[in-house]
Amino acid sequence: MLRCCRICGVLSMSNNLKYQKGKWYHVQEDGSLKPVDYDKEVEEYYKKWRDNYGN
């Protein structure tokens, strides 16, 4: 499944996402749903980007 972040344009593949009732969720191993924390994920992506491409 493709996922795009509106803030930074991140596009990634993930098989553990589900869109339900207007929101994205991570599907846990037990099948439960955990809401996506966009701020946290954007911050983690930025840190990885900065480590790889520097600044």
C-alpha atoms as a PDB file:
ATOM      1  CA  MET A   1       0.000   0.000   0.000  1.00  0.00           C
ATOM      2  CA  LEU A   2       1.312   3.435  -0.858  1.00  0.00           C
ATOM      3  CA  ARG A   3       1.314   6.133   1.762  1.00  0.00           C
ATOM      4  CA  CYS A   4       1.980   9.808   1.230  1.00  0.00           C
ATOM      5  CA  CYS A   5       2.656  12.430   3.870  1.00  0.00           C
ATOM      6  CA  ARG A   6       1.143  15.780   2.919  1.00  0.00           C
ATOM      7  CA  ILE A   7       3.707  17.686   4.972  1.00  0.00           C
ATOM      8  CA  CYS A   8       6.963  16.406   3.483  1.00  0.00           C
ATOM      9  CA  GLY A   9       5.826  14.335   0.506  1.00  0.00           C
ATOM     10  CA  VAL A  10       7.095  11.044   1.949  1.00  0.00           C
ATOM     11  CA  LEU A  11       6.004   8.117  -0.126  1.00  0.00           C
ATOM     12  CA  SER A  12       6.582   4.641   1.225  1.00  0.00           C
ATOM     13  CA  MET A  13       5.328   1.103   0.905  1.00  0.00           C
ATOM     14  CA  SER A  14       3.707  -0.539   3.875  1.00  0.00           C
ATOM     15  CA  ASN A  15       1.592  -3.626   4.236  1.00  0.00           C
ATOM     16  CA  ASN A  16       0.570  -2.862   7.786  1.00  0.00           C
ATOM     17  CA  LEU A  17      -1.655   0.164   7.139  1.00  0.00           C
ATOM     18  CA  LYS A  18      -5.425   0.310   7.026  1.00  0.00           C
ATOM     19  CA  TYR A  19      -7.684   3.236   6.169  1.00  0.00           C
ATOM     20  CA  GLN A  20     -10.881   3.218   8.203  1.00  0.00           C
ATOM     21  CA  LYS A  21     -13.423   5.910   9.016  1.00  0.00           C
ATOM     22  CA  GLY A  22     -11.319   8.699   7.494  1.00  0.00           C
ATOM     23  CA  LYS A  23      -8.085   7.854   9.339  1.00  0.00           C
ATOM     24  CA  TRP A  24      -4.967   5.698   8.804  1.00  0.00           C
ATOM     25  CA  TYR A  25      -4.031   2.969  11.292  1.00  0.00           C
ATOM     26  CA  HIS A  26      -1.113   0.577  11.758  1.00  0.00           C
ATOM     27  CA  VAL A  27      -2.353  -3.012  11.957  1.00  0.00           C
ATOM     28  CA  GLN A  28      -0.693  -4.720  14.920  1.00  0.00           C
ATOM     29  CA  GLU A  29       0.314  -8.408  14.948  1.00  0.00           C
ATOM     30  CA  ASP A  30      -2.782  -9.273  16.981  1.00  0.00           C
ATOM     31  CA  GLY A  31      -5.008  -7.507  14.430  1.00  0.00           C
ATOM     32  CA  SER A  32      -5.722  -4.467  16.583  1.00  0.00           C
ATOM     33  CA  LEU A  33      -5.410  -0.976  15.099  1.00  0.00           C
ATOM     34  CA  LYS A  34      -3.056   1.747  16.330  1.00  0.00           C
ATOM     35  CA  PRO A  35      -3.594   5.306  15.003  1.00  0.00           C
ATOM     36  CA  VAL A  36      -0.769   6.677  12.850  1.00  0.00           C
ATOM     37  CA  ASP A  37       1.174   9.403  14.670  1.00  0.00           C
ATOM     38  CA  TYR A  38       2.096  11.642  11.729  1.00  0.00           C
ATOM     39  CA  ASP A  39       4.248  14.058  13.745  1.00  0.00           C
ATOM     40  CA  LYS A  40       6.361  11.222  15.155  1.00  0.00           C
ATOM     41  CA  GLU A  41       6.736   9.472  11.795  1.00  0.00           C
ATOM     42  CA  VAL A  42       7.699  12.670   9.963  1.00  0.00           C
ATOM     43  CA  GLU A  43      10.291  13.409  12.658  1.00  0.00           C
ATOM     44  CA  GLU A  44      11.756   9.886  12.355  1.00  0.00           C
ATOM     45  CA  TYR A  45      11.825  10.142   8.556  1.00  0.00           C
ATOM     46  CA  TYR A  46      13.587  13.513   8.739  1.00  0.00           C
ATOM     47  CA  LYS A  47      16.221  12.132  11.129  1.00  0.00           C
ATOM     48  CA  LYS A  48      16.908   9.218   8.753  1.00  0.00           C
ATOM     49  CA  TRP A  49      17.064  11.583   5.783  1.00  0.00           C
ATOM     50  CA  ARG A  50      19.422  13.954   7.619  1.00  0.00           C
ATOM     51  CA  ASP A  51      21.697  11.053   8.649  1.00  0.00           C
ATOM     52  CA  ASN A  52      21.858   9.811   5.048  1.00  0.00           C
ATOM     53  CA  TYR A  53      22.095  13.110   3.183  1.00  0.00           C
ATOM     54  CA  GLY A  54      23.531  15.400   5.849  1.00  0.00           C
ATOM     55  CA  ASN A  55      22.968  18.934   6.908  1.00  0.00           C
END
